[in-house]
Protein backbone atom coordinates (compact mmCIF):
# COMPACT_ATOMS: atom_id res chain seq x y z
CA MET A 1 0.00 0.00 0.00
CA MET A 2 1.13 3.54 -0.75
CA ILE A 3 0.81 6.63 1.47
CA ARG A 4 -0.19 9.82 -0.27
CA ASP A 5 1.75 12.96 0.61
CA ASP A 6 -0.13 15.48 -1.55
CA VAL A 7 -3.19 16.02 0.67
CA PHE A 8 -3.29 17.68 4.07
CA PRO A 9 -5.85 18.25 6.83
CA CYS A 10 -7.58 21.61 6.86
CA ALA A 11 -7.85 23.22 10.29
CA ASP A 12 -10.52 25.75 9.24
CA PRO A 13 -13.79 24.12 8.03
CA ALA A 14 -14.85 27.39 6.41
CA ALA A 15 -11.84 27.20 4.11
CA ASP A 16 -12.88 23.71 2.90
CA PRO A 17 -16.71 23.56 3.02
CA PHE A 18 -16.93 20.59 0.65
CA GLY A 19 -14.32 18.51 2.49
CA GLU A 20 -12.05 18.36 -0.54
CA ARG A 21 -8.88 18.04 1.51
CA LEU A 22 -8.55 14.64 3.07
CA MET A 23 -6.23 13.52 5.79
CA PRO A 24 -3.21 11.68 4.32
CA ALA A 25 -4.80 8.75 2.52
CA VAL A 26 -3.82 5.14 1.98
CA CYS A 27 -4.26 3.58 -1.47
CA MET A 28 -4.59 0.02 -2.66
CA SER A 29 -5.17 -1.48 -6.11
CA ARG A 30 -7.05 -4.65 -7.00
CA HIS A 31 -7.92 -6.24 -10.34
CA VAL A 32 -11.64 -6.98 -10.21
CA LEU A 33 -14.19 -7.86 -12.91
CA GLY A 34 -11.78 -7.11 -15.73
CA GLY A 35 -10.66 -3.70 -14.46
CA ARG A 36 -7.99 -2.26 -12.20
CA PHE A 37 -9.57 -0.50 -9.24
CA ARG A 38 -7.63 2.01 -7.17
CA PHE A 39 -9.19 2.49 -3.72
CA GLU A 40 -8.20 5.53 -1.69
CA SER A 41 -9.28 6.34 1.85
CA ASP A 42 -8.25 7.96 5.11
CA SER A 43 -10.03 5.16 6.99
CA ALA A 44 -8.26 1.90 7.76
CA GLU A 45 -11.65 0.32 8.58
CA LEU A 46 -13.08 1.10 5.15
CA LEU A 47 -10.00 -0.22 3.38
CA SER A 48 -10.19 -3.39 5.46
CA LEU A 49 -13.69 -3.91 4.05
CA VAL A 50 -12.29 -3.47 0.54
CA GLU A 51 -9.64 -6.07 1.35
CA SER A 52 -12.24 -8.47 2.74
CA ALA A 53 -14.16 -8.17 -0.53
CA TYR A 54 -11.33 -8.29 -3.07
CA GLY A 55 -8.16 -9.50 -1.36
CA ARG A 56 -6.56 -12.83 -2.34
CA LEU A 57 -8.64 -13.20 -5.50
CA PRO A 58 -7.45 -14.07 -9.03
CA ALA A 59 -6.92 -10.99 -11.20
CA HIS A 60 -9.48 -11.28 -13.98
CA ARG A 61 -8.79 -9.41 -17.21
CA PHE A 62 -10.42 -9.33 -20.64
CA ALA A 63 -8.21 -9.35 -23.73
CA HIS A 64 -7.50 -5.89 -25.15
CA MET A 65 -9.47 -4.27 -22.30
CA SER A 66 -8.32 -3.39 -18.79
CA PRO A 67 -9.80 -0.04 -17.76
CA GLU A 68 -8.64 1.76 -14.64
CA PHE A 69 -11.06 3.01 -12.01
CA ARG A 70 -10.65 5.21 -8.98
CA ILE A 71 -12.88 5.01 -5.91
CA GLU A 72 -12.51 7.31 -2.91
CA LEU A 73 -13.94 6.22 0.43
CA ARG A 74 -14.60 8.74 3.20
CA VAL A 75 -15.75 8.51 6.80
CA VAL A 76 -17.76 11.43 8.18
CA ARG A 77 -19.40 12.34 11.46
CA ARG A 78 -23.15 12.49 11.56
CA GLY A 79 -24.91 15.78 12.03
CA ASP A 80 -27.47 14.20 14.36
CA LYS A 81 -27.67 11.47 16.97
CA ALA A 82 -26.23 8.18 15.78
CA SER A 83 -28.59 5.23 15.46
CA ALA A 84 -27.84 1.66 16.48
CA ALA A 85 -30.63 0.31 14.25
CA GLU A 86 -30.00 -1.56 11.02
CA PRO A 87 -29.39 0.93 8.20
CA PRO A 88 -32.36 1.66 5.94
CA PRO A 89 -32.17 0.31 2.38
CA VAL A 90 -30.28 2.12 -0.36
CA HIS A 91 -32.34 4.26 -2.73
CA MET A 92 -31.07 4.35 -6.33
CA GLN A 93 -30.92 7.62 -8.25
CA SER A 94 -29.47 8.74 -11.57
CA GLY A 95 -29.22 11.70 -13.92
CA MET A 96 -26.82 13.38 -16.37
CA GLY A 97 -24.70 10.24 -16.59
CA LEU A 98 -24.28 9.99 -12.81
CA PHE A 99 -25.51 7.16 -10.60
CA GLY A 100 -26.18 7.29 -6.89
CA GLY A 101 -27.16 5.05 -4.04
CA VAL A 102 -28.44 7.01 -1.05
CA VAL A 103 -29.08 5.75 2.47
CA ASP A 104 -29.19 9.16 4.16
CA ALA A 105 -27.27 12.46 4.19
CA TRP A 106 -24.16 10.81 5.65
CA ASN A 107 -24.15 7.47 3.81
CA TYR A 108 -24.22 7.35 0.02
CA VAL A 109 -22.44 6.43 -3.23
CA LEU A 110 -21.91 8.72 -6.22
CA LEU A 111 -20.60 7.19 -9.46
CA SER A 112 -19.50 8.57 -12.82
CA PRO A 113 -18.89 5.77 -15.36
CA ALA A 114 -17.71 8.34 -17.94
CA GLN A 115 -14.93 9.41 -15.57
CA ARG A 116 -14.48 5.88 -14.18
CA ARG A 117 -14.67 7.32 -10.70
CA GLY A 118 -16.72 6.81 -7.58
CA LEU A 119 -17.18 8.40 -4.16
CA ILE A 120 -18.38 6.41 -1.15
CA VAL A 121 -19.29 8.28 2.03
CA VAL A 122 -19.95 6.41 5.28
CA SER A 123 -20.77 7.78 8.71
CA GLU A 124 -18.70 6.62 11.68
CA ASP A 125 -21.66 4.89 13.34
CA ARG A 126 -22.42 2.83 10.23
CA LEU A 127 -19.04 1.10 10.48
CA GLN A 128 -20.70 -1.14 13.08
CA PHE A 129 -22.59 -2.69 10.14
CA PRO A 130 -19.67 -3.89 7.98
CA TYR A 131 -21.79 -6.26 5.88
CA HIS A 132 -24.13 -3.47 4.77
CA VAL A 133 -21.26 -1.09 4.02
CA ARG A 134 -19.36 -3.68 2.03
CA TYR A 135 -22.26 -5.28 0.19
CA GLU A 136 -24.58 -2.31 -0.43
CA LEU A 137 -22.07 0.49 -0.93
CA ILE A 138 -18.58 -0.79 -1.86
CA GLU A 139 -19.60 -3.78 -3.97
CA PHE A 140 -22.46 -1.80 -5.53
CA ALA A 141 -19.97 0.83 -6.71
CA VAL A 142 -17.52 -1.70 -8.16
CA PHE A 143 -20.21 -3.75 -9.89
CA LEU A 144 -21.88 -0.78 -11.54
CA LEU A 145 -18.67 0.87 -12.75
CA ALA A 146 -17.24 -2.37 -14.13
CA ALA A 147 -20.46 -3.27 -15.95
CA ARG A 148 -21.18 0.16 -17.44
CA VAL A 149 -17.67 0.96 -18.61
CA GLN A 150 -16.98 -2.49 -20.13
CA ASN A 151 -20.52 -3.02 -21.45
CA LEU A 152 -20.94 -6.21 -19.46
CA VAL A 153 -24.35 -7.78 -18.90
CA PRO A 154 -24.93 -7.89 -15.10
CA LEU A 155 -26.73 -11.06 -14.05
CA HIS A 156 -28.08 -12.17 -10.71
CA GLY A 157 -26.81 -15.72 -10.73
CA ALA A 158 -23.89 -18.07 -10.24
CA CYS A 159 -21.27 -19.68 -12.45
CA VAL A 160 -19.04 -22.73 -12.10
CA GLY A 161 -16.89 -24.55 -14.63
CA SER A 162 -13.56 -26.07 -15.60
CA ASP A 163 -10.97 -25.94 -18.38
CA GLY A 164 -11.83 -22.33 -19.17
CA HIS A 165 -15.55 -22.99 -19.71
CA GLY A 166 -18.44 -22.31 -17.38
CA VAL A 167 -22.15 -22.89 -16.89
CA LEU A 168 -24.32 -19.91 -15.99
CA LEU A 169 -26.77 -20.76 -13.18
CA LEU A 170 -29.91 -18.63 -13.09
CA GLY A 171 -33.24 -19.02 -11.32
CA ALA A 172 -35.39 -17.56 -8.57
CA SER A 173 -34.09 -16.99 -5.06
CA GLY A 174 -34.41 -20.20 -3.09
CA ALA A 175 -34.17 -22.44 -6.14
CA GLY A 176 -30.87 -23.90 -4.92
CA LYS A 177 -28.18 -22.07 -6.90
CA SER A 178 -25.95 -21.61 -3.84
CA THR A 179 -26.30 -25.22 -2.71
CA LEU A 180 -25.51 -26.41 -6.22
CA SER A 181 -22.52 -24.04 -6.46
CA LEU A 182 -21.15 -25.34 -3.16
CA GLN A 183 -21.46 -28.94 -4.30
CA ALA A 184 -19.71 -28.11 -7.59
CA LEU A 185 -16.89 -26.43 -5.65
CA LEU A 186 -16.49 -29.42 -3.34
CA GLU A 187 -16.34 -31.77 -6.32
CA GLY A 188 -13.48 -29.91 -7.95
CA MET A 189 -15.12 -27.51 -10.37
CA ASP A 190 -13.82 -23.94 -10.64
CA PHE A 191 -15.93 -21.38 -8.80
CA LEU A 192 -16.53 -18.05 -10.56
CA ALA A 193 -19.33 -16.39 -8.58
CA GLU A 194 -22.40 -17.17 -6.53
CA ASP A 195 -24.39 -13.93 -6.47
CA GLY A 196 -23.40 -11.81 -9.47
CA VAL A 197 -22.03 -12.79 -12.89
CA PHE A 198 -20.92 -10.26 -15.53
CA VAL A 199 -20.85 -11.42 -19.15
CA HIS A 200 -19.34 -9.83 -22.24
CA PRO A 201 -22.20 -10.16 -24.77
CA GLU A 202 -19.97 -10.83 -27.79
CA SER A 203 -17.35 -13.22 -26.43
CA LEU A 204 -19.61 -14.70 -23.73
CA LEU A 205 -16.69 -14.51 -21.32
CA ALA A 206 -18.00 -14.34 -17.78
CA THR A 207 -16.33 -12.83 -14.74
CA GLY A 208 -17.33 -12.51 -11.11
CA VAL A 209 -16.03 -12.22 -7.57
CA ALA A 210 -15.32 -15.55 -5.88
CA ASN A 211 -15.13 -14.19 -2.35
CA PHE A 212 -18.16 -15.49 -0.46
CA ILE A 213 -20.94 -18.02 -0.80
CA HIS A 214 -24.15 -17.50 1.15
CA LEU A 215 -25.77 -20.65 2.49
CA LYS A 216 -28.84 -21.43 4.54
CA GLN A 217 -28.34 -23.90 7.37
CA GLU A 218 -30.46 -26.43 5.49
CA ALA A 219 -27.83 -26.64 2.73
CA LEU A 220 -25.62 -28.60 5.15
CA ARG A 221 -27.86 -31.66 4.93
CA PHE A 222 -26.00 -32.51 1.74
CA VAL A 223 -22.51 -32.03 3.25
CA ASP A 224 -20.99 -35.19 4.70
CA ASN A 225 -17.42 -34.07 5.37
CA PRO A 226 -17.09 -32.94 9.04
CA SER A 227 -14.41 -30.33 8.33
CA THR A 228 -16.53 -28.80 5.56
CA ARG A 229 -19.55 -28.67 7.86
CA GLN A 230 -17.46 -26.95 10.51
CA TRP A 231 -16.13 -24.47 7.93
CA VAL A 232 -19.68 -23.46 7.04
CA GLU A 233 -21.19 -23.54 10.53
CA THR A 234 -18.45 -21.40 12.09
CA SER A 235 -18.77 -18.74 9.39
CA PRO A 236 -20.53 -15.46 10.30
CA THR A 237 -24.24 -15.13 9.62
CA ILE A 238 -25.84 -12.24 7.76
CA ARG A 239 -29.46 -11.20 7.43
CA ARG A 240 -30.67 -10.27 3.96
CA ARG A 241 -33.11 -7.39 3.50
CA SER A 242 -35.75 -10.07 2.89
CA GLY A 243 -35.18 -11.36 6.42
CA VAL A 244 -33.46 -14.58 5.30
CA VAL A 245 -30.49 -15.53 7.48
CA LYS A 246 -27.50 -17.18 5.81
CA HIS A 247 -23.94 -18.18 6.60
CA GLU A 248 -21.50 -15.93 4.75
CA VAL A 249 -18.74 -18.43 3.98
CA ASP A 250 -15.37 -17.10 2.86
CA LEU A 251 -14.29 -19.29 -0.04
CA ARG A 252 -10.68 -18.19 0.30
CA ASP A 253 -10.41 -19.99 3.63
CA GLY A 254 -11.79 -23.35 2.57
CA PRO A 255 -11.59 -26.15 0.01
CA GLY A 256 -11.95 -25.65 -3.71
CA ARG A 257 -10.55 -23.08 -6.07
CA ALA A 258 -11.63 -19.85 -7.69
CA ALA A 259 -11.62 -19.55 -11.48
CA ALA A 260 -8.22 -18.13 -12.40
CA ALA A 261 -9.58 -16.18 -15.38
CA PRO A 262 -12.94 -15.35 -16.99
CA LEU A 263 -14.83 -18.44 -18.13
CA ARG A 264 -16.34 -18.80 -21.60
CA LEU A 265 -19.96 -19.82 -21.22
CA ALA A 266 -20.90 -23.30 -22.35
CA ALA A 267 -24.61 -23.02 -21.54
CA ALA A 268 -27.17 -21.24 -19.40
CA VAL A 269 -29.19 -23.25 -16.88
CA ILE A 270 -32.36 -22.17 -15.09
CA VAL A 271 -32.21 -23.90 -11.71
CA SER A 272 -35.66 -25.05 -10.60
CA SER A 273 -36.85 -25.99 -7.13
CA GLN A 274 -39.19 -28.59 -8.68
CA PRO A 275 -38.16 -32.25 -8.46
CA ALA A 276 -37.48 -34.07 -11.70
CA ASP A 277 -40.19 -36.40 -12.99
CA ASP A 278 -37.45 -38.76 -14.12
CA PRO A 279 -34.36 -38.91 -11.85
CA LYS A 280 -32.28 -39.80 -14.91
CA ARG A 281 -33.44 -36.73 -16.82
CA LEU A 282 -32.70 -33.64 -14.73
CA LEU A 283 -31.81 -31.36 -17.65
CA VAL A 284 -34.49 -30.31 -20.14
CA PRO A 285 -33.71 -27.99 -23.09
CA LEU A 286 -35.90 -24.91 -23.30
CA PRO A 287 -37.71 -24.54 -26.63
CA TRP A 288 -36.15 -21.83 -28.78
CA GLU A 289 -39.31 -19.70 -28.69
CA ARG A 290 -39.28 -19.61 -24.88
CA VAL A 291 -35.64 -18.67 -24.36
CA ALA A 292 -35.86 -14.87 -24.72
CA TRP A 293 -38.98 -14.58 -22.57
CA THR A 294 -37.64 -16.90 -19.85
CA LEU A 295 -34.28 -15.10 -19.58
CA ALA A 296 -35.90 -11.65 -19.49
CA ALA A 297 -38.38 -12.75 -16.81
CA ASP A 298 -35.53 -14.12 -14.71
CA GLN A 299 -33.27 -11.08 -15.20
CA PRO A 300 -35.43 -7.92 -15.40
CA TYR A 301 -32.56 -5.50 -14.63
CA ALA A 302 -30.12 -7.05 -17.09
CA ALA A 303 -32.82 -7.19 -19.77
CA ALA A 304 -32.88 -3.38 -19.84
CA GLN A 305 -29.11 -3.05 -20.44
CA PRO A 306 -27.59 -2.26 -23.88
CA GLY A 307 -25.92 -5.64 -24.49
CA TRP A 308 -28.91 -7.77 -23.53
CA ASP A 309 -30.26 -8.63 -26.99
CA ARG A 310 -26.86 -9.71 -28.25
CA PHE A 311 -26.28 -11.75 -25.09
CA VAL A 312 -29.60 -13.58 -25.56
CA GLN A 313 -28.84 -14.31 -29.22
CA ARG A 314 -25.42 -15.72 -28.42
CA VAL A 315 -26.37 -17.77 -25.37
CA ALA A 316 -29.44 -19.22 -27.12
CA ARG A 317 -27.13 -20.77 -29.70
CA LEU A 318 -25.21 -22.52 -26.94
CA GLY A 319 -28.29 -23.88 -25.25
CA VAL A 320 -30.57 -22.79 -22.43
CA TYR A 321 -31.90 -25.50 -20.13
CA GLU A 322 -34.08 -26.07 -17.11
CA LEU A 323 -32.42 -28.09 -14.36
CA ARG A 324 -34.74 -29.85 -11.95
CA ARG A 325 -33.79 -31.38 -8.62
CA GLY A 326 -32.52 -34.89 -8.24
CA ALA A 327 -32.01 -36.97 -5.11
CA HIS A 328 -28.73 -35.17 -4.30
CA PRO A 329 -26.98 -32.02 -5.65
CA ARG A 330 -24.09 -34.19 -6.85
CA ASP A 331 -26.45 -35.53 -9.53
CA ALA A 332 -26.92 -31.99 -10.84
CA VAL A 333 -23.17 -31.37 -10.69
CA ALA A 334 -22.64 -34.34 -12.97
CA VAL A 335 -25.00 -32.70 -15.47
CA LEU A 336 -23.11 -29.39 -15.28
CA ARG A 337 -19.78 -31.16 -15.74
CA HIS A 338 -21.13 -32.87 -18.86
CA LEU A 339 -22.08 -29.49 -20.38
CA VAL A 340 -18.63 -28.07 -19.64
CA ASP A 341 -16.80 -31.14 -20.95
CA LYS A 342 -18.82 -31.01 -24.16
CA ALA A 343 -17.85 -27.36 -24.71
CA SER A 344 -14.19 -28.17 -24.03
CA ARG A 345 -14.25 -30.99 -26.60
CA VAL A 346 -15.81 -28.72 -29.21
CA ALA A 347 -13.25 -25.99 -28.53
CA SER A 348 -10.36 -28.44 -28.88
CA GLY A 349 -11.77 -30.08 -32.00
CA ARG A 350 -12.34 -33.41 -30.24
CA ALA A 351 -16.13 -33.37 -30.58
């Protein structure tokens, strides 16, 4: 990390009403989602949250494209009495090419994709809610900047794979994407992401952040290894805005491996919570005429982004499937591995 020596504290608030002069700041750089992000802050606590999100991860890059971003993180004192209650949700705003996420007057994000810059402001009392600060402010800023500048399609889903190819896992919350991703990780597949996947619509290269996986306690009924169960059960718990409580399991401290580079999609799979009629036939191809509607219904935000139509055209040619539940998640993993192996054989000319 590098200490800046070109900014100084200002003793007279009237001389710096906008707070433009920071205390000497610490900087760190991380390669995330295809870009190089420079984080700058005068708060060691905020930078520790950045490190918890992006430290010890493979540096993903796209060929011929590695934009640089700058994000400044500031801690401020509230102008009223601090609250110990859970922070209210973030309200999204935009205009004139700027994007914002506002909690209140002392906690917000301001982003300019055109300038590749972001500002994150956090009040001192909100540092007692590190999950909310990291997930709803820091990760929000990185995800939006990376997607908008690189024209990536932002998907709420997961992705696992091997040999440079991956399967995109979509589906409603509670369908079992996280449980399936964990099982794939434990069985040796590369883990790309569990909550957000970003796809280049032309190349169908997918990137993500393989930092955490979020698991309900019930997911452990499929885990037999005692050390793996302990790894999950001793992980911190978080409460989603929906009220669902999950273990936030740090993948960097356990078995398995993160994808070393972006994965080229081999197929898209809609994970269903419905059991399969035939335990030997978990995977059912979606009819061509249903693909566009099904993907748009599953991904309403992504469907409004510029690269969506091209993404749908390209992924439809690969194959879009519905994956129903078998007796055990390992059965579904075998199906995913077959899709990836098939793509690898085609790419190598062995098909």
